Amino acid sequence: MRQKIEHIKERLEHDPKFQEAVKKIRPEWSFWGIMSIGLFFFLPELITAIWQPELIAWAHLHAITEPVDIVRKMYAMLEEIFRDGVSWVNIGLGVLFLWWGFSTRR
């Protein structure tokens, strides 16, 4: 199994199509690249940290007053998401993308 993984790793390291795909998904180290990572990964967590009680109350109000059952369930799930608080996985992914963009900058 270990030899098979090593073989796949070596094949991917020398595959030009794979290297091109990695370059395409790599975040750009520009104003817009940094801003997009910040807006997608950090801003939602900042909003949750600041307005968590208000967001929970808003989702709860809609969960109990919405007439359509599927939408009521959606608001209940949204309430649970806000109750869980800040997503450290999301923040960690944002930090990793920033680190990846910074470390590959030329």
N, C-alpha and C. Protein backbone atom coordinates (compact mmCIF):
# COMPACT_ATOMS: atom_id res chain seq x y z
N MET A 1 0.83 -1.19 0.00
CA MET A 1 0.00 0.00 0.00
C MET A 1 0.87 1.25 0.00
N ARG A 2 1.91 1.23 0.81
CA ARG A 2 2.80 2.39 0.90
C ARG A 2 3.51 2.63 -0.44
N GLN A 3 3.89 1.54 -1.11
CA GLN A 3 4.55 1.67 -2.41
C GLN A 3 3.59 2.24 -3.45
N LYS A 4 2.35 1.84 -3.37
CA LYS A 4 1.35 2.33 -4.30
C LYS A 4 1.14 3.85 -4.12
N ILE A 5 1.09 4.30 -2.87
CA ILE A 5 0.93 5.72 -2.58
C ILE A 5 2.15 6.49 -3.07
N GLU A 6 3.34 5.96 -2.85
CA GLU A 6 4.57 6.61 -3.33
C GLU A 6 4.58 6.71 -4.85
N HIS A 7 4.12 5.66 -5.51
CA HIS A 7 4.07 5.65 -6.98
C HIS A 7 3.10 6.73 -7.48
N ILE A 8 1.94 6.83 -6.87
CA ILE A 8 0.95 7.85 -7.26
C ILE A 8 1.51 9.24 -7.00
N LYS A 9 2.19 9.41 -5.86
CA LYS A 9 2.77 10.71 -5.52
C LYS A 9 3.82 11.13 -6.55
N GLU A 10 4.69 10.21 -6.93
CA GLU A 10 5.72 10.51 -7.93
C GLU A 10 5.10 10.84 -9.28
N ARG A 11 4.05 10.10 -9.64
CA ARG A 11 3.39 10.35 -10.91
C ARG A 11 2.73 11.74 -10.92
N LEU A 12 2.11 12.13 -9.81
CA LEU A 12 1.47 13.44 -9.74
C LEU A 12 2.48 14.57 -9.73
N GLU A 13 3.62 14.37 -9.10
CA GLU A 13 4.65 15.42 -9.05
C GLU A 13 5.19 15.75 -10.44
N HIS A 14 5.18 14.79 -11.33
CA HIS A 14 5.74 15.00 -12.67
C HIS A 14 4.67 15.15 -13.74
N ASP A 15 3.41 15.18 -13.37
CA ASP A 15 2.32 15.31 -14.33
C ASP A 15 2.06 16.79 -14.63
N PRO A 16 2.28 17.25 -15.87
CA PRO A 16 2.11 18.68 -16.16
C PRO A 16 0.65 19.14 -16.04
N LYS A 17 -0.30 18.28 -16.34
CA LYS A 17 -1.72 18.67 -16.21
C LYS A 17 -2.08 18.91 -14.75
N PHE A 18 -1.57 18.05 -13.87
CA PHE A 18 -1.84 18.21 -12.44
C PHE A 18 -1.19 19.49 -11.91
N GLN A 19 0.03 19.75 -12.33
CA GLN A 19 0.73 20.97 -11.89
C GLN A 19 -0.01 22.22 -12.37
N GLU A 20 -0.54 22.18 -13.59
CA GLU A 20 -1.31 23.31 -14.11
C GLU A 20 -2.60 23.51 -13.32
N ALA A 21 -3.25 22.40 -12.95
CA ALA A 21 -4.48 22.50 -12.15
C ALA A 21 -4.20 23.09 -10.78
N VAL A 22 -3.07 22.72 -10.18
CA VAL A 22 -2.70 23.28 -8.88
C VAL A 22 -2.44 24.78 -9.00
N LYS A 23 -1.79 25.19 -10.07
CA LYS A 23 -1.54 26.62 -10.27
C LYS A 23 -2.83 27.41 -10.45
N LYS A 24 -3.82 26.80 -11.10
CA LYS A 24 -5.08 27.49 -11.33
C LYS A 24 -5.87 27.70 -10.04
N ILE A 25 -5.82 26.73 -9.11
CA ILE A 25 -6.60 26.88 -7.88
C ILE A 25 -5.85 27.63 -6.79
N ARG A 26 -4.56 27.84 -6.97
CA ARG A 26 -3.76 28.57 -5.97
C ARG A 26 -4.27 30.00 -5.86
N PRO A 27 -4.49 30.49 -4.63
CA PRO A 27 -4.97 31.86 -4.48
C PRO A 27 -3.91 32.87 -4.92
N GLU A 28 -4.37 33.90 -5.61
CA GLU A 28 -3.45 34.94 -6.06
C GLU A 28 -3.04 35.82 -4.89
N TRP A 29 -1.79 36.25 -4.91
CA TRP A 29 -1.31 37.16 -3.87
C TRP A 29 -1.47 38.58 -4.40
N SER A 30 -2.70 39.01 -4.45
CA SER A 30 -3.03 40.36 -4.89
C SER A 30 -4.09 40.90 -3.93
N PHE A 31 -4.46 42.12 -4.13
CA PHE A 31 -5.49 42.71 -3.28
C PHE A 31 -6.77 41.89 -3.36
N TRP A 32 -7.19 41.52 -4.57
CA TRP A 32 -8.45 40.79 -4.74
C TRP A 32 -8.34 39.36 -4.23
N GLY A 33 -7.19 38.75 -4.34
CA GLY A 33 -7.01 37.40 -3.81
C GLY A 33 -7.12 37.37 -2.30
N ILE A 34 -6.45 38.32 -1.65
CA ILE A 34 -6.51 38.40 -0.19
C ILE A 34 -7.91 38.79 0.26
N MET A 35 -8.52 39.74 -0.47
CA MET A 35 -9.87 40.20 -0.11
C MET A 35 -10.89 39.07 -0.25
N SER A 36 -10.77 38.26 -1.29
CA SER A 36 -11.73 37.17 -1.47
C SER A 36 -11.61 36.13 -0.36
N ILE A 37 -10.39 35.82 0.05
CA ILE A 37 -10.21 34.88 1.17
C ILE A 37 -10.79 35.48 2.44
N GLY A 38 -10.54 36.75 2.67
CA GLY A 38 -11.08 37.41 3.86
C GLY A 38 -12.60 37.45 3.86
N LEU A 39 -13.19 37.78 2.71
CA LEU A 39 -14.65 37.86 2.65
C LEU A 39 -15.31 36.50 2.76
N PHE A 40 -14.71 35.48 2.19
CA PHE A 40 -15.32 34.16 2.20
C PHE A 40 -15.10 33.39 3.50
N PHE A 41 -13.92 33.52 4.10
CA PHE A 41 -13.59 32.71 5.27
C PHE A 41 -13.70 33.47 6.59
N PHE A 42 -13.29 34.73 6.62
CA PHE A 42 -13.21 35.44 7.90
C PHE A 42 -14.42 36.31 8.21
N LEU A 43 -14.99 36.98 7.22
CA LEU A 43 -16.12 37.88 7.48
C LEU A 43 -17.34 37.17 8.07
N PRO A 44 -17.76 36.00 7.56
CA PRO A 44 -18.91 35.33 8.19
C PRO A 44 -18.66 34.96 9.65
N GLU A 45 -17.44 34.59 9.95
CA GLU A 45 -17.13 34.23 11.34
C GLU A 45 -17.10 35.46 12.23
N LEU A 46 -16.63 36.57 11.70
CA LEU A 46 -16.63 37.82 12.45
C LEU A 46 -18.07 38.27 12.73
N ILE A 47 -18.92 38.18 11.73
CA ILE A 47 -20.33 38.54 11.91
C ILE A 47 -20.98 37.64 12.95
N THR A 48 -20.70 36.35 12.89
CA THR A 48 -21.25 35.42 13.88
C THR A 48 -20.76 35.75 15.28
N ALA A 49 -19.48 36.07 15.41
CA ALA A 49 -18.93 36.38 16.73
C ALA A 49 -19.54 37.65 17.31
N ILE A 50 -19.80 38.64 16.47
CA ILE A 50 -20.32 39.92 16.97
C ILE A 50 -21.81 39.85 17.25
N TRP A 51 -22.59 39.31 16.31
CA TRP A 51 -24.06 39.36 16.41
C TRP A 51 -24.69 38.00 16.65
N GLN A 52 -24.01 37.09 17.31
CA GLN A 52 -24.54 35.74 17.50
C GLN A 52 -25.89 35.73 18.22
N PRO A 53 -26.09 36.43 19.34
CA PRO A 53 -27.41 36.37 19.99
C PRO A 53 -28.54 36.91 19.11
N GLU A 54 -28.30 37.99 18.38
CA GLU A 54 -29.32 38.54 17.50
C GLU A 54 -29.64 37.59 16.35
N LEU A 55 -28.62 36.95 15.80
CA LEU A 55 -28.85 36.01 14.71
C LEU A 55 -29.63 34.79 15.17
N ILE A 56 -29.34 34.31 16.37
CA ILE A 56 -30.07 33.17 16.91
C ILE A 56 -31.53 33.54 17.14
N ALA A 57 -31.77 34.72 17.71
CA ALA A 57 -33.14 35.17 17.96
C ALA A 57 -33.90 35.35 16.65
N TRP A 58 -33.25 35.92 15.64
CA TRP A 58 -33.89 36.11 14.34
C TRP A 58 -34.27 34.77 13.71
N ALA A 59 -33.34 33.82 13.71
CA ALA A 59 -33.61 32.51 13.12
C ALA A 59 -34.70 31.78 13.91
N HIS A 60 -34.69 31.91 15.23
CA HIS A 60 -35.71 31.26 16.06
C HIS A 60 -37.10 31.84 15.78
N LEU A 61 -37.18 33.16 15.67
CA LEU A 61 -38.46 33.81 15.38
C LEU A 61 -39.03 33.31 14.06
N HIS A 62 -38.19 33.24 13.04
CA HIS A 62 -38.67 32.75 11.75
C HIS A 62 -38.97 31.26 11.77
N ALA A 63 -38.25 30.51 12.59
CA ALA A 63 -38.49 29.07 12.67
C ALA A 63 -39.85 28.75 13.29
N ILE A 64 -40.32 29.61 14.18
CA ILE A 64 -41.62 29.33 14.81
C ILE A 64 -42.79 30.03 14.13
N THR A 65 -42.53 31.02 13.27
CA THR A 65 -43.62 31.76 12.63
C THR A 65 -43.78 31.47 11.15
N GLU A 66 -42.86 30.78 10.54
CA GLU A 66 -42.94 30.51 9.10
C GLU A 66 -44.03 29.48 8.81
N PRO A 67 -44.93 29.77 7.87
CA PRO A 67 -46.03 28.84 7.59
C PRO A 67 -45.61 27.62 6.77
N VAL A 68 -44.58 27.74 5.96
CA VAL A 68 -44.16 26.63 5.11
C VAL A 68 -43.20 25.73 5.90
N ASP A 69 -43.48 24.44 5.91
CA ASP A 69 -42.73 23.51 6.75
C ASP A 69 -41.25 23.42 6.36
N ILE A 70 -40.95 23.34 5.08
CA ILE A 70 -39.56 23.19 4.65
C ILE A 70 -38.74 24.43 5.00
N VAL A 71 -39.35 25.61 4.89
CA VAL A 71 -38.64 26.84 5.24
C VAL A 71 -38.46 26.92 6.75
N ARG A 72 -39.45 26.45 7.50
CA ARG A 72 -39.34 26.42 8.96
C ARG A 72 -38.19 25.53 9.40
N LYS A 73 -38.02 24.40 8.73
CA LYS A 73 -36.90 23.50 9.04
C LYS A 73 -35.56 24.16 8.68
N MET A 74 -35.55 24.92 7.57
CA MET A 74 -34.33 25.61 7.18
C MET A 74 -33.92 26.63 8.25
N TYR A 75 -34.89 27.39 8.77
CA TYR A 75 -34.57 28.35 9.81
C TYR A 75 -34.14 27.66 11.11
N ALA A 76 -34.71 26.51 11.39
CA ALA A 76 -34.29 25.75 12.58
C ALA A 76 -32.84 25.29 12.43
N MET A 77 -32.48 24.84 11.23
CA MET A 77 -31.09 24.44 11.00
C MET A 77 -30.15 25.64 11.06
N LEU A 78 -30.61 26.76 10.54
CA LEU A 78 -29.82 27.99 10.61
C LEU A 78 -29.60 28.41 12.06
N GLU A 79 -30.63 28.25 12.87
CA GLU A 79 -30.51 28.56 14.29
C GLU A 79 -29.45 27.68 14.96
N GLU A 80 -29.44 26.40 14.62
CA GLU A 80 -28.43 25.49 15.17
C GLU A 80 -27.02 25.88 14.73
N ILE A 81 -26.89 26.30 13.48
CA ILE A 81 -25.57 26.72 12.98
C ILE A 81 -25.07 27.92 13.77
N PHE A 82 -25.96 28.91 14.00
CA PHE A 82 -25.55 30.09 14.75
C PHE A 82 -25.29 29.76 16.22
N ARG A 83 -26.01 28.78 16.76
CA ARG A 83 -25.78 28.39 18.16
C ARG A 83 -24.40 27.77 18.35
N ASP A 84 -23.93 27.08 17.32
CA ASP A 84 -22.61 26.44 17.42
C ASP A 84 -21.48 27.45 17.48
N GLY A 85 -21.74 28.67 17.06
CA GLY A 85 -20.74 29.73 17.18
C GLY A 85 -19.79 29.76 16.01
N VAL A 86 -18.62 30.30 16.27
CA VAL A 86 -17.61 30.50 15.23
C VAL A 86 -17.06 29.16 14.77
N SER A 87 -16.90 29.03 13.45
CA SER A 87 -16.35 27.81 12.88
C SER A 87 -14.83 27.92 12.82
N TRP A 88 -14.17 27.18 13.67
CA TRP A 88 -12.71 27.22 13.68
C TRP A 88 -12.13 26.52 12.46
N VAL A 89 -12.90 25.61 11.89
CA VAL A 89 -12.45 24.96 10.66
C VAL A 89 -12.39 25.98 9.53
N ASN A 90 -13.42 26.83 9.44
CA ASN A 90 -13.45 27.87 8.41
C ASN A 90 -12.30 28.86 8.59
N ILE A 91 -12.05 29.25 9.80
CA ILE A 91 -10.93 30.16 10.07
C ILE A 91 -9.60 29.48 9.75
N GLY A 92 -9.48 28.21 10.12
CA GLY A 92 -8.26 27.47 9.81
C GLY A 92 -8.02 27.34 8.32
N LEU A 93 -9.09 27.08 7.55
CA LEU A 93 -8.95 27.01 6.09
C LEU A 93 -8.52 28.36 5.52
N GLY A 94 -9.09 29.44 6.04
CA GLY A 94 -8.69 30.77 5.58
C GLY A 94 -7.23 31.04 5.85
N VAL A 95 -6.76 30.68 7.04
CA VAL A 95 -5.35 30.87 7.38
C VAL A 95 -4.47 30.02 6.47
N LEU A 96 -4.88 28.77 6.21
CA LEU A 96 -4.10 27.91 5.33
C LEU A 96 -4.03 28.47 3.91
N PHE A 97 -5.15 29.00 3.39
CA PHE A 97 -5.12 29.59 2.06
C PHE A 97 -4.24 30.83 2.02
N LEU A 98 -4.29 31.64 3.06
CA LEU A 98 -3.41 32.81 3.10
C LEU A 98 -1.94 32.39 3.15
N TRP A 99 -1.66 31.37 3.96
CA TRP A 99 -0.29 30.87 4.06
C TRP A 99 0.17 30.29 2.73
N TRP A 100 -0.72 29.54 2.06
CA TRP A 100 -0.39 28.95 0.77
C TRP A 100 -0.12 30.02 -0.27
N GLY A 101 -0.97 31.04 -0.30
CA GLY A 101 -0.75 32.14 -1.25
C GLY A 101 0.52 32.90 -0.97
N PHE A 102 0.82 33.11 0.31
CA PHE A 102 2.03 33.84 0.67
C PHE A 102 3.28 33.02 0.40
N SER A 103 3.24 31.72 0.68
CA SER A 103 4.44 30.90 0.55
C SER A 103 4.79 30.63 -0.92
N THR A 104 3.82 30.71 -1.82
CA THR A 104 4.10 30.44 -3.22
C THR A 104 4.26 31.71 -4.04
N ARG A 105 4.28 32.83 -3.40
CA ARG A 105 4.41 34.11 -4.09
C ARG A 105 5.81 34.25 -4.66
N ARG A 106 5.91 34.79 -5.86
CA ARG A 106 7.23 34.94 -6.48
C ARG A 106 7.43 36.32 -6.98
